[in-house]
Amino acid sequence: MLLITRLAIPFSLITLLVIGFLRVQPGDQEQIDQYHERVATAVNSTPLDKNGWIGQQVPLPQSAISLLRPNALVARRYIYEAKGIVAKLVIVHCRDARDMAGHYPPRCYPANGWMESKDNPVRNYTLNQHSFRVYGFHRLAGKVERDMTVYSFFALPTGELSTSMVDVRRLSADYQFRKYGAAQIQIVIDGGVSPEDHPWILEEMYKIAEPAIEAVLDAPPSYKNTEGGES
C-alpha cells in the first residue's frame, strides 16, 4: 500500500502534463501566437491624429504595466483644438485574460488616489449600440480638486464586447481559451468637459480605436466554433 501511495504522486503529475499537452497542441499555439501578433499590430497602429484630433502618447505607471503584462498598449491624450476639448484613450491587450483582473477602473484609479464620485455613480451607458461601463472619480490633491469620468469596456476573442469583469473572469477560468487574452478600452474625460459633449467624444474615440477592437474580436474560427467559445 505504501508503494502504491508513493507511485500515485508521480503518475498524477504525468497525467496533468499529458492533459496539458493534449489541450494546447503546437499547431494551436502557433495560431494563438499569430493572433496575438495581429492584435498587437492593430493596437500599435492606432492613429495618432484623426478627424481633427491630435494625439500625444502619455506614460502609464510602471506598476500598471507590470500587472497587465501587455501584449500591446496605447495610452494617448487627444486634443480637438477647434473645440478645446481633451480626452484620453487607453487600449490594452493582454495575452492571458487573467492579467486583466488586476488593473481596471475600480482597482487602478483608487490605487492612484482617486475616489469614486457620489455625484457620478457607476452605471451602464449605451450609445449607438455600443455599451460602456461608466465610472466617476474625484481627487483632492492639496487645494486642487479634479473630477473625471471613465467610460470602459472589454473586447473579447469570443467576438463579444462586454462591460462586465464577470465575462473576463469566465474567460480566464477556461484553461484552453484564456491564452487568447482580452482587451480593455478606456475613454477618460475630464470633469471640465460638458456632459453634452460626452456622446460625441465617445463616438470619435471609438472610431479611432475601432481597428484595434475589431482585431481582438476576430479570433481564429477554431476558437469561436468550439463548444463554450461563445455565450
Protein backbone atom coordinates (compact mmCIF):
# COMPACT_ATOMS: atom_id res chain seq x y z
CA MET A 1 0.00 0.00 0.00
CA LEU A 2 2.86 2.38 0.84
CA LEU A 3 4.48 1.68 -2.54
CA ILE A 4 1.22 2.42 -4.36
CA THR A 5 0.84 5.69 -2.47
CA ARG A 6 4.38 6.75 -3.39
CA LEU A 7 3.80 5.93 -7.04
CA ALA A 8 0.46 7.75 -7.15
CA ILE A 9 2.03 11.21 -6.96
CA PRO A 10 4.36 10.85 -9.97
CA PHE A 11 1.60 9.25 -12.03
CA SER A 12 -0.78 12.11 -11.18
CA LEU A 13 1.81 14.65 -12.30
CA ILE A 14 2.34 12.78 -15.54
CA THR A 15 -1.41 12.73 -16.13
CA LEU A 16 -1.64 16.52 -15.68
CA LEU A 17 1.23 17.06 -18.09
CA VAL A 18 -0.37 14.83 -20.70
CA ILE A 19 -3.72 16.63 -20.37
CA GLY A 20 -2.00 20.00 -20.72
CA PHE A 21 -0.16 18.80 -23.83
CA LEU A 22 -3.35 17.50 -25.41
CA ARG A 23 -5.29 20.70 -24.73
CA VAL A 24 -2.74 23.04 -26.34
CA GLN A 25 -1.14 21.39 -29.34
CA PRO A 26 1.82 23.03 -31.15
CA GLY A 27 -0.46 23.96 -34.05
CA ASP A 28 -2.86 25.66 -31.65
CA GLN A 29 -0.02 27.60 -30.05
CA GLU A 30 1.14 28.81 -33.44
CA GLN A 31 -2.39 30.00 -34.20
CA ILE A 32 -2.56 31.78 -30.84
CA ASP A 33 0.80 33.49 -31.42
CA GLN A 34 -0.27 34.67 -34.88
CA TYR A 35 -3.49 36.06 -33.42
CA HIS A 36 -1.57 37.99 -30.76
CA GLU A 37 0.75 39.39 -33.41
CA ARG A 38 -2.20 40.64 -35.47
CA VAL A 39 -3.78 42.26 -32.42
CA ALA A 40 -0.50 43.90 -31.40
CA THR A 41 -0.04 45.31 -34.91
CA ALA A 42 -3.57 46.74 -34.91
CA VAL A 43 -3.25 48.27 -31.43
CA ASN A 44 0.16 49.77 -32.17
CA SER A 45 -1.20 51.19 -35.45
CA THR A 46 -3.89 53.23 -33.68
CA PRO A 47 -3.72 56.60 -35.45
CA LEU A 48 -2.06 59.42 -33.58
CA ASP A 49 -4.04 62.09 -35.46
CA LYS A 50 -7.52 61.64 -36.92
CA ASN A 51 -10.59 63.72 -37.80
CA GLY A 52 -9.18 66.85 -36.22
CA TRP A 53 -7.93 65.09 -33.10
CA ILE A 54 -4.20 65.45 -32.35
CA GLY A 55 -2.76 62.70 -30.17
CA GLN A 56 0.13 62.61 -27.78
CA GLN A 57 1.47 59.49 -26.09
CA VAL A 58 1.18 59.55 -22.29
CA PRO A 59 3.01 57.22 -19.88
CA LEU A 60 1.28 54.72 -17.64
CA PRO A 61 2.66 53.85 -14.19
CA GLN A 62 5.19 51.03 -14.31
CA SER A 63 3.18 49.25 -11.63
CA ALA A 64 0.20 49.09 -14.01
CA ILE A 65 2.33 47.74 -16.83
CA SER A 66 3.80 45.10 -14.53
CA LEU A 67 0.31 43.95 -13.52
CA LEU A 68 -1.06 43.88 -17.06
CA ARG A 69 1.97 42.36 -18.82
CA PRO A 70 0.51 43.76 -22.05
CA ASN A 71 0.85 42.25 -25.48
CA ALA A 72 0.12 45.75 -26.80
CA LEU A 73 -0.62 49.05 -25.09
CA VAL A 74 -1.58 52.51 -26.32
CA ALA A 75 -2.26 55.42 -23.96
CA ARG A 76 -2.99 58.70 -25.73
CA ARG A 77 -4.10 62.20 -24.86
CA TYR A 78 -6.14 63.54 -27.77
CA ILE A 79 -6.86 67.25 -28.27
CA TYR A 80 -9.58 68.64 -30.53
CA GLU A 81 -8.28 72.16 -30.93
CA ALA A 82 -11.37 73.54 -32.72
CA LYS A 83 -13.42 72.96 -29.55
CA GLY A 84 -10.65 73.00 -26.99
CA ILE A 85 -11.62 69.50 -25.82
CA VAL A 86 -9.22 66.91 -24.40
CA ALA A 87 -9.86 63.18 -23.97
CA LYS A 88 -7.66 60.24 -23.06
CA LEU A 89 -7.82 56.89 -24.83
CA VAL A 90 -6.28 53.72 -23.41
CA ILE A 91 -6.22 50.41 -25.30
CA VAL A 92 -4.50 47.48 -23.64
CA HIS A 93 -4.43 43.86 -24.78
CA CYS A 94 -3.17 41.04 -22.58
CA ARG A 95 -2.07 37.66 -23.86
CA ASP A 96 -3.60 35.97 -20.82
CA ALA A 97 -7.09 37.09 -19.82
CA ARG A 98 -6.22 36.56 -16.14
CA ASP A 99 -3.87 39.55 -16.22
CA MET A 100 -6.77 41.91 -16.88
CA ALA A 101 -8.23 41.37 -13.40
CA GLY A 102 -5.55 43.36 -11.61
CA HIS A 103 -5.97 46.62 -13.49
CA TYR A 104 -9.37 48.03 -14.43
CA PRO A 105 -11.12 51.23 -13.26
CA PRO A 106 -12.45 50.17 -9.81
CA ARG A 107 -8.96 49.00 -8.90
CA CYS A 108 -6.43 51.13 -10.74
CA TYR A 109 -7.84 54.61 -10.11
CA PRO A 110 -8.43 54.25 -6.34
CA ALA A 111 -4.91 52.81 -6.11
CA ASN A 112 -3.67 56.13 -7.52
CA GLY A 113 -5.57 58.40 -5.17
CA TRP A 114 -8.92 58.73 -6.96
CA MET A 115 -12.14 58.22 -5.03
CA GLU A 116 -15.41 57.07 -6.55
CA SER A 117 -17.69 60.06 -7.01
CA LYS A 118 -21.01 60.11 -5.18
CA ASP A 119 -22.36 62.62 -7.71
CA ASN A 120 -21.32 60.48 -10.69
CA PRO A 121 -22.23 56.89 -9.73
CA VAL A 122 -21.20 53.72 -11.53
CA ARG A 123 -23.65 52.83 -14.28
CA ASN A 124 -24.01 51.42 -17.78
CA TYR A 125 -24.42 53.68 -20.78
CA THR A 126 -25.34 52.73 -24.36
CA LEU A 127 -24.55 54.84 -27.40
CA ASN A 128 -25.25 53.68 -30.97
CA GLN A 129 -25.45 50.05 -29.82
CA HIS A 130 -22.11 50.32 -28.02
CA SER A 131 -22.24 49.81 -24.25
CA PHE A 132 -19.89 51.37 -21.73
CA ARG A 133 -19.41 50.96 -18.01
CA VAL A 134 -19.23 54.47 -16.56
CA TYR A 135 -17.16 55.37 -13.51
CA GLY A 136 -16.98 58.81 -11.90
CA PHE A 137 -13.89 59.70 -9.88
CA HIS A 138 -12.89 62.63 -7.67
CA ARG A 139 -9.47 63.58 -6.36
CA LEU A 140 -8.22 66.21 -3.94
CA ALA A 141 -4.50 66.98 -4.12
CA GLY A 142 -3.65 69.83 -1.77
CA LYS A 143 -6.09 72.58 -2.69
CA VAL A 144 -6.67 71.26 -6.21
CA GLU A 145 -9.83 69.26 -6.86
CA ARG A 146 -10.37 67.23 -10.01
CA ASP A 147 -13.19 65.15 -11.40
CA MET A 148 -13.22 62.78 -14.32
CA THR A 149 -15.45 60.22 -15.98
CA VAL A 150 -14.11 56.91 -17.27
CA TYR A 151 -16.03 55.01 -19.97
CA SER A 152 -14.77 51.44 -20.12
CA PHE A 153 -15.47 48.14 -21.85
CA PHE A 154 -13.73 44.89 -22.76
CA ALA A 155 -13.21 43.32 -26.17
CA LEU A 156 -13.09 39.52 -26.01
CA PRO A 157 -11.88 36.91 -28.52
CA THR A 158 -15.34 35.35 -28.35
CA GLY A 159 -16.49 38.20 -30.59
CA GLU A 160 -18.18 39.93 -27.66
CA LEU A 161 -17.93 43.42 -26.27
CA SER A 162 -18.65 43.44 -22.56
CA THR A 163 -18.87 45.99 -19.76
CA SER A 164 -18.55 43.31 -17.09
CA MET A 165 -15.46 41.91 -15.43
CA VAL A 166 -17.53 38.77 -14.82
CA ASP A 167 -17.23 37.90 -18.52
CA VAL A 168 -13.46 38.36 -18.39
CA ARG A 169 -13.24 36.13 -15.32
CA ARG A 170 -15.35 33.49 -17.08
CA LEU A 171 -12.90 33.57 -19.97
CA SER A 172 -9.97 33.46 -17.54
CA ALA A 173 -11.34 30.30 -15.94
CA ASP A 174 -11.17 28.40 -19.23
CA TYR A 175 -7.72 26.85 -19.36
CA GLN A 176 -7.85 26.18 -23.08
CA PHE A 177 -9.03 29.58 -24.24
CA ARG A 178 -7.73 32.19 -21.79
CA LYS A 179 -4.45 32.28 -23.72
CA TYR A 180 -6.25 34.23 -26.44
CA GLY A 181 -6.34 37.06 -23.92
CA ALA A 182 -8.62 40.08 -23.73
CA ALA A 183 -8.53 43.81 -24.35
CA GLN A 184 -9.66 46.73 -22.25
CA ILE A 185 -10.62 50.09 -23.72
CA GLN A 186 -10.94 53.22 -21.59
CA ILE A 187 -12.05 56.70 -22.66
CA VAL A 188 -11.29 59.24 -19.96
CA ILE A 189 -12.97 62.67 -19.97
CA ASP A 190 -12.02 65.44 -17.57
CA GLY A 191 -14.67 66.93 -15.32
CA GLY A 192 -14.35 70.31 -17.02
CA VAL A 193 -15.85 68.97 -20.25
CA SER A 194 -19.58 69.47 -20.63
CA PRO A 195 -21.60 66.23 -20.34
CA GLU A 196 -23.36 67.27 -23.55
CA ASP A 197 -20.08 66.70 -25.41
CA HIS A 198 -19.53 63.20 -23.99
CA PRO A 199 -21.54 61.28 -26.65
CA TRP A 200 -19.64 62.98 -29.47
CA ILE A 201 -16.29 62.33 -27.78
CA LEU A 202 -17.18 58.66 -27.25
CA GLU A 203 -18.10 58.28 -30.93
CA GLU A 204 -14.84 59.90 -32.03
CA MET A 205 -12.64 57.86 -29.68
CA TYR A 206 -14.43 54.65 -30.67
CA LYS A 207 -13.68 55.38 -34.34
CA ILE A 208 -10.01 55.82 -33.50
CA ALA A 209 -9.91 52.58 -31.53
CA GLU A 210 -12.15 50.53 -33.84
CA PRO A 211 -9.45 48.75 -35.94
CA ALA A 212 -7.81 47.50 -32.74
CA ILE A 213 -11.16 46.42 -31.30
CA GLU A 214 -12.06 44.52 -34.47
CA ALA A 215 -8.69 42.74 -34.42
CA VAL A 216 -9.37 41.46 -30.89
CA LEU A 217 -12.87 40.28 -31.81
CA ASP A 218 -11.55 38.48 -34.90
CA ALA A 219 -10.23 35.39 -33.14
CA PRO A 220 -9.45 32.22 -35.16
CA PRO A 221 -12.58 30.30 -36.25
CA SER A 222 -11.48 27.23 -34.28
CA TYR A 223 -11.85 29.29 -31.10
CA LYS A 224 -15.36 30.53 -31.84
CA ASN A 225 -16.62 27.23 -33.17
CA THR A 226 -15.53 25.25 -30.13
CA GLU A 227 -18.26 24.42 -27.65
CA GLY A 228 -18.21 27.01 -24.89
CA GLY A 229 -16.33 29.53 -27.04
CA GLU A 230 -19.31 31.86 -27.30
CA SER A 231 -22.15 32.71 -24.95
